[in-house]
Structure formats: C-alpha cells, structure tokens
Amino acid sequence: MPLYEKLVRPLAFLLPPEAAHELALGWVASGMFECRTPQDGRLAVQALGLRLSNPIGLAAGFDKDAVAVDWWDALGFGHVEVGTVTLRPQPGNPRPRLYRLPKDRALINRMGFNNAGAHAMRVRLQASWPRVPIGINLGKNRQTPLTEAPAEYAALYRMLAPWGAYFVVNVSSPNTPGLRSLQDPAALRDILQAIRGVQPRKPLLVKVAPDLEPAQLDALLDLALQEGLDGIVATNTTVSREGLGRNPGIDGGLSGKPLQPLADAALARLARGSEGRLTLIGVGGVFDADDAWRKIALGAHLVQLYTGWVYGGPKTVARILHGLLERMDREGVRSLDELRGAAL
C-alpha cells in the first residue's frame, strides 16, 4: 500500500477537513512536494489557444486564493484553476463547512466562496511565475443582488484579466443563495455580454451544475454557442445524495465518486451537442487513469480533479498520467485527440 494511503492520509484525516486542507495547501505552496511525472508528447493537448503538456488539471476550490500557483506543476498538473474568487473578500459560511465521507470516497462542502478577494489574488498573481496555464474561476459575492451580477462579474474580470490564461463563470455552486438561477439563459447572457465588453479578451467558459434537466442543459449549450463561448466546465458539485451509502443529512455540494454518473452524463450530452465547437473540461469523480480515460472518451479536452486528489495524495496525477500512457500502448491509441469522443 502506498505510504500516503497507509500513513499520511489516516493521520491527515484525524484533523478537521478544512484544517487538513489548509495544511496540505501550505505544504504545496512551500515547494516541499515534487513527483516525477511522464513527459510524453502523446499526452499533450491543444485547447483554449493553449498547448498543455497533459490534460490533467486541478479543479477550482482547492487553491482558492492562488497561493501555490508556482508549485502545482511539480505535482504533474498540466493546468490549474484557481478560485472561486469574488470581487470583495468573503468569509464564507460558518465552520464546519467541509465534510469527508470516506466510505463513499466523497466530500460535501458548503464553503460559500470563502476567499481573500480579487485584489489579493491580483497582487499574488503579479508576483508569481507559474509554469502551467492558470485559469481563474469567477463568482458573485453573496450580498450582491442578482440584478447586479453582470456588472460585478465584469468588474471582477477586468481586475484579473491580464493574469488568467482562461476564465470560468461560476453560476452553479449550490452554496450561494440564488446563484444557480443565473444559469437561466437570459440571466447568463447578460453576464457573458458584460464580460465580453471588457478587454483584453481571454478564453471564457461557464461551469454548469450536474443537476440540470436535459432541456436546461441543451438551452445552456445553445446560449454558449450563440454567445461565442470558448467552452464549458462539466460539472460543479451536486445537491443530489444518490450513490451514497446513507444520506448524512448535510447541506452542500457533493463531490467524488457519487458525482461521477451525473457529471459523465452531462459531459456526454454537451459533447454530442457541441460537435467539437467548444472546449469541454470534465470534472467529477476522477480518481485514476480509467476515470480520466473515460472523461476524454466522452468528449473532454481537459480533465480536472479535486476530491480524487484529496483521497489519492501527491502522486495521484503521476499515477494517472502513467496509467493513460500504459492504456494508450495497450489499446494502440496514438494521441488523446484520437481517443476524444470515442465513447459517444
């Protein structure tokens, strides 16, 4: 059994989840973690106008304030999405607000966009030298009325635009009251158009909930194509408790293995409907190389993980990349472009 699973994770899981998260983030930011990862051209991906060494990225929510952006490449990540960041600093919901469900290989969070705000992130990114593309996930402050959301997202984008390789509009977190209503095409169109009115223009995506009905997902996809979005992140956490051994009775967004079927279904529907016109980022239930392989086969250009990294530890990305190459050799797949969409 790997050292992390045998010793480190059990000790870390003795701490409250958020304390363990802060400790791990501090360790990464100090540069104390480094893993040998394969550098193989077959893993390279061209997406969002970027060339990435591999498709595996860190999902938003782990490095909310971009404190470790100079070090995630040492763990093998091909890109990192920081945030969710809001225009003004926000404390988030009262603790405890992060919960482990080890038997289900899952987490529930009701963090509420806790972060130091856009100015603090801008200062940090100005002083950073990341070696992988950094995406920035944008959110609305809790107290901002929904009617003022377009102006706030635009102001947030304006403050951070020079430092993000791409930007994601987060209107799908279940932990900010009313936020998911902004997935309605009319409301979302106003937000997207407000952001598009700001220069410089960077790749823009929207992150969707896995709980949307098929018709809602189709409407959102139509809007993305009409408004010239660059891509969609599928998906955020779910409010469903399907797939759990028992319902713990905790509010918040569920991530990890139980999210996998919902996230995969949304990704596949978006891939079929977009027909290659959008960059798709697959998130939800990614723990190993088979999970990453499946996301790409369902149409994902890039794959992100968060909960899988928490349970798998620092060598997770290296294991995924080695596993992808082994399976490519085994199945005669010459590139990830060849694999993409094969399961549709």
Foldseek 3Di string as FASTA:
>chain_A
DDCCQVPVLVVLVVDQVVVSLVVVVVCQLVQVDADDFDQDCQQWFCAQNDIFSHQEEADEDSQALCSRQQGVVRLPHREYEYHQAFAAADQFDDPPFKDDDVVLLKIFGLRGRHDHHLVSSLVNLVPHDHPHFYEYEYDYHLPDDLVCQLVRLQVSCQSCVVRHQEYEYEQAFPNRPPSVVCLQLVNVLSNLVSNVVHPDDHQYEYAHALPDDLVSLLVSLVSCVVSVHAAYEQHWFYQDPPSDPDDPPDGGGMAAQRFLVSSLVSLLSSCVVCVPRHAYEGEGHDQAQVSVLSSQLSAHSHYYYDSNCSNPDSNRNSRNNVVVVVVCVVVVPRHSVSRGNNVD
